[in-house]
């Protein structure tokens, strides 16, 4: 069991041909360099752009610090962080689309000669209509050039945070007074009728006191 990678170049004007790579090794390097297991002939691809590795009875993809990034199913992967691969996952990197099948029977593993031949044929499609060129010289020149920064993987803008909804102002609930902190009692106000009754009672009491003192005198 191994990995099957179907590569299509998006740098060609015509319908791109599928190039099928099959591997039964624990690590597969995808990049522009001559030593890569999947050679992609464009300067938008870094020398060692990404790798596919065996991990936990499955396979993961790791971006190896590429200039233009890597996407799996339209989601950009973080550099150096393994992304678990499943059958029919689509990987986009440097203007190439790779369809990945994992855990599949491998009929023919790739050799260095076949890998270079695929890179030459991919390049021929990309240069179609641009005049006759020596593919070997052009491929060698591309492999030696520095990375070209291309806006292939735009980073989505961070979501704009909306202001918090306006809350309705509500009256604050009165706090219950704690012992020893009660506010001073307000003076009690009496009505006029109540004042008259109290005044009359005071007069009666005073009269009774006067009468008793007179009766008790010799």
C-alpha atoms as a PDB file:
ATOM      1  CA  UNK A   1       0.000   0.000   0.000  1.00  0.00           C
ATOM      2  CA  UNK A   2       1.195   3.511  -0.708  1.00  0.00           C
ATOM      3  CA  UNK A   3       0.327   6.943  -2.056  1.00  0.00           C
ATOM      4  CA  UNK A   4      -0.922   7.975  -5.494  1.00  0.00           C
ATOM      5  CA  UNK A   5      -0.524  11.625  -6.501  1.00  0.00           C
ATOM      6  CA  UNK A   6      -2.211  12.978  -9.620  1.00  0.00           C
ATOM      7  CA  UNK A   7      -0.607  16.272 -10.689  1.00  0.00           C
ATOM      8  CA  UNK A   8      -2.052  18.889 -13.035  1.00  0.00           C
ATOM      9  CA  UNK A   9      -0.343  22.167 -13.906  1.00  0.00           C
ATOM     10  CA  UNK A  10      -2.438  25.335 -13.841  1.00  0.00           C
ATOM     11  CA  UNK A  11       0.270  27.249 -15.740  1.00  0.00           C
ATOM     12  CA  UNK A  12      -0.841  25.939 -19.127  1.00  0.00           C
ATOM     13  CA  UNK A  13      -3.430  27.540 -21.389  1.00  0.00           C
ATOM     14  CA  UNK A  14      -4.672  24.170 -22.630  1.00  0.00           C
ATOM     15  CA  UNK A  15      -6.418  21.512 -20.593  1.00  0.00           C
ATOM     16  CA  UNK A  16      -3.663  20.151 -18.343  1.00  0.00           C
ATOM     17  CA  UNK A  17      -2.691  16.512 -18.633  1.00  0.00           C
ATOM     18  CA  UNK A  18      -2.791  14.396 -15.473  1.00  0.00           C
ATOM     19  CA  UNK A  19       0.561  12.984 -14.359  1.00  0.00           C
ATOM     20  CA  UNK A  20       0.245  10.084 -11.949  1.00  0.00           C
ATOM     21  CA  UNK A  21       2.972   9.403  -9.379  1.00  0.00           C
ATOM     22  CA  UNK A  22       2.955   6.330  -7.162  1.00  0.00           C
ATOM     23  CA  UNK A  23       5.114   5.829  -4.084  1.00  0.00           C
ATOM     24  CA  UNK A  24       5.554   3.170  -1.426  1.00  0.00           C
ATOM     25  CA  UNK A  25       8.058   5.103   0.693  1.00  0.00           C
ATOM     26  CA  UNK A  26       7.641   6.726   4.106  1.00  0.00           C
ATOM     27  CA  UNK A  27       8.489  10.286   2.967  1.00  0.00           C
ATOM     28  CA  UNK A  28       7.727  11.968  -0.364  1.00  0.00           C
ATOM     29  CA  UNK A  29       9.224  15.391  -1.120  1.00  0.00           C
ATOM     30  CA  UNK A  30       7.283  17.737  -3.400  1.00  0.00           C
ATOM     31  CA  UNK A  31       9.203  20.689  -4.810  1.00  0.00           C
ATOM     32  CA  UNK A  32      11.155  22.331  -7.615  1.00  0.00           C
ATOM     33  CA  UNK A  33      14.605  20.954  -6.841  1.00  0.00           C
ATOM     34  CA  UNK A  34      16.206  18.133  -8.812  1.00  0.00           C
ATOM     35  CA  UNK A  35      16.191  15.958  -5.680  1.00  0.00           C
ATOM     36  CA  UNK A  36      12.423  16.228  -5.139  1.00  0.00           C
ATOM     37  CA  UNK A  37      10.351  13.087  -5.602  1.00  0.00           C
ATOM     38  CA  UNK A  38       7.651  15.144  -7.366  1.00  0.00           C
ATOM     39  CA  UNK A  39       9.401  17.835  -9.424  1.00  0.00           C
ATOM     40  CA  UNK A  40       7.191  20.806 -10.301  1.00  0.00           C
ATOM     41  CA  UNK A  41       8.921  23.111 -12.828  1.00  0.00           C
ATOM     42  CA  UNK A  42       7.928  26.629 -11.796  1.00  0.00           C
ATOM     43  CA  UNK A  43       9.587  29.233  -9.571  1.00  0.00           C
ATOM     44  CA  UNK A  44       6.341  29.658  -7.598  1.00  0.00           C
ATOM     45  CA  UNK A  45       7.191  26.254  -6.107  1.00  0.00           C
ATOM     46  CA  UNK A  46       9.934  26.194  -3.479  1.00  0.00           C
ATOM     47  CA  UNK A  47      12.847  23.779  -3.750  1.00  0.00           C
ATOM     48  CA  UNK A  48      11.441  21.563  -0.987  1.00  0.00           C
ATOM     49  CA  UNK A  49       7.912  22.924  -0.880  1.00  0.00           C
ATOM     50  CA  UNK A  50       6.026  20.227   1.030  1.00  0.00           C
ATOM     51  CA  UNK A  51       6.272  16.585   1.997  1.00  0.00           C
ATOM     52  CA  UNK A  52       3.949  13.652   2.541  1.00  0.00           C
ATOM     53  CA  UNK A  53       4.907  11.415   5.451  1.00  0.00           C
ATOM     54  CA  UNK A  54       3.689   8.253   7.082  1.00  0.00           C
ATOM     55  CA  UNK A  55       2.230   8.901  10.528  1.00  0.00           C
ATOM     56  CA  UNK A  56       0.032   6.818  12.850  1.00  0.00           C
ATOM     57  CA  UNK A  57      -0.865   4.219  10.203  1.00  0.00           C
ATOM     58  CA  UNK A  58      -1.814   6.997   7.788  1.00  0.00           C
ATOM     59  CA  UNK A  59      -0.270   9.905   5.909  1.00  0.00           C
ATOM     60  CA  UNK A  60       0.110  13.606   6.609  1.00  0.00           C
ATOM     61  CA  UNK A  61       1.169  16.597   4.537  1.00  0.00           C
ATOM     62  CA  UNK A  62       3.652  19.117   5.920  1.00  0.00           C
ATOM     63  CA  UNK A  63       4.501  22.524   4.419  1.00  0.00           C
ATOM     64  CA  UNK A  64       8.289  22.722   4.653  1.00  0.00           C
ATOM     65  CA  UNK A  65       8.439  26.517   4.931  1.00  0.00           C
ATOM     66  CA  UNK A  66       7.479  27.321   1.340  1.00  0.00           C
ATOM     67  CA  UNK A  67       7.389  30.865  -0.022  1.00  0.00           C
ATOM     68  CA  UNK A  68       3.845  30.739  -1.417  1.00  0.00           C
ATOM     69  CA  UNK A  69       2.166  28.310   0.953  1.00  0.00           C
ATOM     70  CA  UNK A  70       0.101  25.150   0.587  1.00  0.00           C
ATOM     71  CA  UNK A  71      -3.634  24.491   0.695  1.00  0.00           C
ATOM     72  CA  UNK A  72      -5.500  21.289   1.394  1.00  0.00           C
ATOM     73  CA  UNK A  73      -9.112  21.386   0.217  1.00  0.00           C
ATOM     74  CA  UNK A  74      -8.874  25.207  -0.109  1.00  0.00           C
ATOM     75  CA  UNK A  75      -7.669  25.638   3.477  1.00  0.00           C
ATOM     76  CA  UNK A  76      -4.170  26.949   4.011  1.00  0.00           C
ATOM     77  CA  UNK A  77      -2.015  24.749   6.208  1.00  0.00           C
ATOM     78  CA  UNK A  78       0.367  26.101   8.817  1.00  0.00           C
ATOM     79  CA  UNK A  79       4.070  25.723   8.132  1.00  0.00           C
ATOM     80  CA  UNK A  80       5.514  22.649   9.817  1.00  0.00           C
ATOM     81  CA  UNK A  81       2.165  21.454  11.191  1.00  0.00           C
ATOM     82  CA  UNK A  82       1.099  18.014   9.886  1.00  0.00           C
ATOM     83  CA  UNK A  83      -2.231  17.892   8.084  1.00  0.00           C
ATOM     84  CA  UNK A  84      -3.879  14.463   7.954  1.00  0.00           C
ATOM     85  CA  UNK A  85      -4.597  13.344   4.397  1.00  0.00           C
ATOM     86  CA  UNK A  86      -7.612  11.353   3.257  1.00  0.00           C
ATOM     87  CA  UNK A  87      -8.517   9.876  -0.088  1.00  0.00           C
ATOM     88  CA  UNK A  88      -9.329  12.410  -2.799  1.00  0.00           C
ATOM     89  CA  UNK A  89      -7.933  15.347  -0.836  1.00  0.00           C
ATOM     90  CA  UNK A  90      -6.933  18.188  -3.170  1.00  0.00           C
ATOM     91  CA  UNK A  91      -3.627  19.956  -2.534  1.00  0.00           C
ATOM     92  CA  UNK A  92      -2.854  23.298  -4.204  1.00  0.00           C
ATOM     93  CA  UNK A  93       0.698  24.626  -4.209  1.00  0.00           C
ATOM     94  CA  UNK A  94       2.657  26.927  -6.512  1.00  0.00           C
ATOM     95  CA  UNK A  95       0.105  26.803  -9.320  1.00  0.00           C
ATOM     96  CA  UNK A  96      -0.268  23.000  -9.330  1.00  0.00           C
ATOM     97  CA  UNK A  97      -3.223  20.884  -8.262  1.00  0.00           C
ATOM     98  CA  UNK A  98      -2.503  17.526  -6.677  1.00  0.00           C
ATOM     99  CA  UNK A  99      -5.172  14.915  -5.976  1.00  0.00           C
ATOM    100  CA  UNK A 100      -4.055  12.540  -3.234  1.00  0.00           C
ATOM    101  CA  UNK A 101      -5.055   8.906  -2.711  1.00  0.00           C
ATOM    102  CA  UNK A 102      -3.592   7.223   0.376  1.00  0.00           C
ATOM    103  CA  UNK A 103      -3.386   3.571   1.365  1.00  0.00           C
ATOM    104  CA  UNK A 104      -3.786   2.392  -2.228  1.00  0.00           C
ATOM    105  CA  UNK A 105      -2.035  -0.501  -3.991  1.00  0.00           C
ATOM    106  CA  UNK A 106       1.000   0.706  -5.926  1.00  0.00           C
ATOM    107  CA  UNK A 107       1.594  -0.753  -9.379  1.00  0.00           C
ATOM    108  CA  UNK A 108       4.844   1.035 -10.262  1.00  0.00           C
ATOM    109  CA  UNK A 109       6.986   3.121  -7.919  1.00  0.00           C
ATOM    110  CA  UNK A 110       8.638   6.247  -9.243  1.00  0.00           C
ATOM    111  CA  UNK A 111      12.269   6.328 -10.282  1.00  0.00           C
ATOM    112  CA  UNK A 112      14.513   9.403 -10.571  1.00  0.00           C
ATOM    113  CA  UNK A 113      14.462   9.068 -14.371  1.00  0.00           C
ATOM    114  CA  UNK A 114      10.656   8.871 -14.537  1.00  0.00           C
ATOM    115  CA  UNK A 115      10.320  11.816 -12.141  1.00  0.00           C
ATOM    116  CA  UNK A 116      12.576  13.962 -14.360  1.00  0.00           C
ATOM    117  CA  UNK A 117      10.717  12.825 -17.466  1.00  0.00           C
ATOM    118  CA  UNK A 118       7.404  13.912 -15.906  1.00  0.00           C
ATOM    119  CA  UNK A 119       8.887  17.309 -14.997  1.00  0.00           C
ATOM    120  CA  UNK A 120      10.084  17.747 -18.594  1.00  0.00           C
ATOM    121  CA  UNK A 121       6.664  16.855 -19.997  1.00  0.00           C
ATOM    122  CA  UNK A 122       4.885  19.203 -17.571  1.00  0.00           C
ATOM    123  CA  UNK A 123       7.249  21.989 -18.606  1.00  0.00           C
ATOM    124  CA  UNK A 124       6.590  21.278 -22.291  1.00  0.00           C
ATOM    125  CA  UNK A 125       2.881  21.849 -21.713  1.00  0.00           C
ATOM    126  CA  UNK A 126       3.570  25.085 -19.860  1.00  0.00           C
ATOM    127  CA  UNK A 127       5.820  26.395 -22.674  1.00  0.00           C
ATOM    128  CA  UNK A 128       3.495  25.378 -25.500  1.00  0.00           C
ATOM    129  CA  UNK A 129       3.243  28.168 -28.073  1.00  0.00           C
ATOM    130  CA  UNK A 130       6.331  30.003 -26.770  1.00  0.00           C
ATOM    131  CA  UNK A 131       8.736  28.750 -29.424  1.00  0.00           C
ATOM    132  CA  UNK A 132      11.186  25.891 -29.460  1.00  0.00           C
ATOM    133  CA  UNK A 133      13.295  25.620 -26.330  1.00  0.00           C
ATOM    134  CA  UNK A 134      15.648  23.028 -25.004  1.00  0.00           C
ATOM    135  CA  UNK A 135      13.605  21.467 -22.223  1.00  0.00           C
ATOM    136  CA  UNK A 136      16.604  20.148 -20.331  1.00  0.00           C
ATOM    137  CA  UNK A 137      18.289  23.568 -20.276  1.00  0.00           C
ATOM    138  CA  UNK A 138      15.028  25.305 -19.335  1.00  0.00           C
ATOM    139  CA  UNK A 139      14.311  22.805 -16.571  1.00  0.00           C
ATOM    140  CA  UNK A 140      17.822  23.191 -15.164  1.00  0.00           C
ATOM    141  CA  UNK A 141      17.529  26.993 -15.246  1.00  0.00           C
ATOM    142  CA  UNK A 142      14.177  26.913 -13.408  1.00  0.00           C
ATOM    143  CA  UNK A 143      15.599  24.644 -10.716  1.00  0.00           C
ATOM    144  CA  UNK A 144      18.459  27.090 -10.075  1.00  0.00           C
ATOM    145  CA  UNK A 145      16.373  30.266  -9.846  1.00  0.00           C
ATOM    146  CA  UNK A 146      15.230  31.745  -6.521  1.00  0.00           C
ATOM    147  CA  UNK A 147      11.634  31.404  -5.412  1.00  0.00           C
ATOM    148  CA  UNK A 148       9.160  33.769  -7.039  1.00  0.00           C
ATOM    149  CA  UNK A 149       6.604  35.242  -4.697  1.00  0.00           C
ATOM    150  CA  UNK A 150       3.221  34.867  -6.363  1.00  0.00           C
ATOM    151  CA  UNK A 151      -0.181  35.749  -4.926  1.00  0.00           C
ATOM    152  CA  UNK A 152      -1.617  32.255  -5.374  1.00  0.00           C
ATOM    153  CA  UNK A 153      -2.787  31.746  -1.811  1.00  0.00           C
ATOM    154  CA  UNK A 154      -4.387  34.954  -0.583  1.00  0.00           C
ATOM    155  CA  UNK A 155      -4.734  35.049   3.159  1.00  0.00           C
ATOM    156  CA  UNK A 156      -8.321  35.657   4.153  1.00  0.00           C
ATOM    157  CA  UNK A 157      -8.871  38.840   6.075  1.00  0.00           C
ATOM    158  CA  UNK A 158      -9.573  38.417   9.720  1.00  0.00           C
ATOM    159  CA  UNK A 159     -13.291  38.694  10.482  1.00  0.00           C
ATOM    160  CA  UNK A 160     -14.191  42.181  11.585  1.00  0.00           C
ATOM    161  CA  UNK A 161     -15.429  42.152  15.127  1.00  0.00           C
ATOM    162  CA  UNK A 162     -18.818  43.774  15.462  1.00  0.00           C
ATOM    163  CA  UNK A 163     -19.461  46.173  18.330  1.00  0.00           C
ATOM    164  CA  UNK A 164     -21.352  44.617  21.215  1.00  0.00           C
ATOM    165  CA  UNK A 165     -25.123  45.136  21.079  1.00  0.00           C
ATOM    166  CA  UNK A 166     -26.457  48.116  22.968  1.00  0.00           C
ATOM    167  CA  UNK A 167     -27.991  47.041  26.236  1.00  0.00           C
ATOM    168  CA  UNK A 168     -31.127  48.601  27.598  1.00  0.00           C
ATOM    169  CA  UNK A 169     -30.448  50.681  30.678  1.00  0.00           C
ATOM    170  CA  UNK A 170     -32.315  49.262  33.605  1.00  0.00           C
ATOM    171  CA  UNK A 171     -32.778  50.791  37.063  1.00  0.00           C
ATOM    172  CA  UNK A 172     -30.463  49.255  39.557  1.00  0.00           C
ATOM    173  CA  UNK A 173     -32.027  47.176  42.246  1.00  0.00           C
ATOM    174  CA  UNK A 174     -31.870  48.684  45.751  1.00  0.00           C
ATOM    175  CA  UNK A 175     -29.441  46.932  48.018  1.00  0.00           C
ATOM    176  CA  UNK A 176     -30.664  45.523  51.277  1.00  0.00           C
ATOM    177  CA  UNK A 177     -29.262  47.353  54.260  1.00  0.00           C
ATOM    178  CA  UNK A 178     -26.854  45.415  56.392  1.00  0.00           C
ATOM    179  CA  UNK A 179     -26.964  45.517  60.205  1.00  0.00           C
ATOM    180  CA  UNK A 180     -25.322  48.643  61.503  1.00  0.00           C
ATOM    181  CA  UNK A 181     -25.514  50.400  58.166  1.00  0.00           C
ATOM    182  CA  UNK A 182     -29.193  51.370  58.115  1.00  0.00           C
ATOM    183  CA  UNK A 183     -29.766  54.978  57.083  1.00  0.00           C
ATOM    184  CA  UNK A 184     -31.042  57.339  59.835  1.00  0.00           C
ATOM    185  CA  UNK A 185     -34.804  57.313  60.267  1.00  0.00           C
ATOM    186  CA  UNK A 186     -36.661  60.227  58.766  1.00  0.00           C
ATOM    187  CA  UNK A 187     -38.773  62.369  61.215  1.00  0.00           C
ATOM    188  CA  UNK A 188     -42.430  61.422  61.261  1.00  0.00           C
ATOM    189  CA  UNK A 189     -44.796  64.095  60.021  1.00  0.00           C
ATOM    190  CA  UNK A 190     -48.232  64.369  61.789  1.00  0.00           C
ATOM    191  CA  UNK A 191     -51.467  65.611  60.382  1.00  0.00           C
ATOM    192  CA  UNK A 192     -53.311  68.608  61.906  1.00  0.00           C
ATOM    193  CA  UNK A 193     -56.111  66.449  63.307  1.00  0.00           C
ATOM    194  CA  UNK A 194     -53.572  64.240  65.002  1.00  0.00           C
ATOM    195  CA  UNK A 195     -51.857  67.308  66.475  1.00  0.00           C
ATOM    196  CA  UNK A 196     -55.176  68.581  67.897  1.00  0.00           C
ATOM    197  CA  UNK A 197     -55.893  65.259  69.599  1.00  0.00           C
ATOM    198  CA  UNK A 198     -52.429  65.198  71.167  1.00  0.00           C
ATOM    199  CA  UNK A 199     -52.830  68.827  72.345  1.00  0.00           C
ATOM    200  CA  UNK A 200     -56.225  68.098  73.925  1.00  0.00           C
ATOM    201  CA  UNK A 201     -54.842  65.040  75.695  1.00  0.00           C
ATOM    202  CA  UNK A 202     -51.975  67.106  77.026  1.00  0.00           C
ATOM    203  CA  UNK A 203     -54.419  69.713  78.397  1.00  0.00           C
ATOM    204  CA  UNK A 204     -56.514  67.013  80.108  1.00  0.00           C
ATOM    205  CA  UNK A 205     -53.454  65.456  81.719  1.00  0.00           C
ATOM    206  CA  UNK A 206     -52.212  68.828  82.912  1.00  0.00           C
ATOM    207  CA  UNK A 207     -55.638  69.702  84.396  1.00  0.00           C
ATOM    208  CA  UNK A 208     -55.767  66.378  86.230  1.00  0.00           C
ATOM    209  CA  UNK A 209     -52.366  66.983  87.738  1.00  0.00           C
ATOM    210  CA  UNK A 210     -53.382  70.451  88.955  1.00  0.00           C
ATOM    211  CA  UNK A 211     -56.631  69.167  90.480  1.00  0.00           C
ATOM    212  CA  UNK A 212     -54.915  66.384  92.339  1.00  0.00           C
ATOM    213  CA  UNK A 213     -52.307  68.746  93.738  1.00  0.00           C
ATOM    214  CA  UNK A 214     -55.069  71.098  95.063  1.00  0.00           C
ATOM    215  CA  UNK A 215     -56.970  68.308  96.718  1.00  0.00           C
ATOM    216  CA  UNK A 216     -53.912  67.006  98.417  1.00  0.00           C
ATOM    217  CA  UNK A 217     -52.917  70.357  99.890  1.00  0.00           C
ATOM    218  CA  UNK A 218     -53.997  71.048 103.677  1.00  0.00           C
END
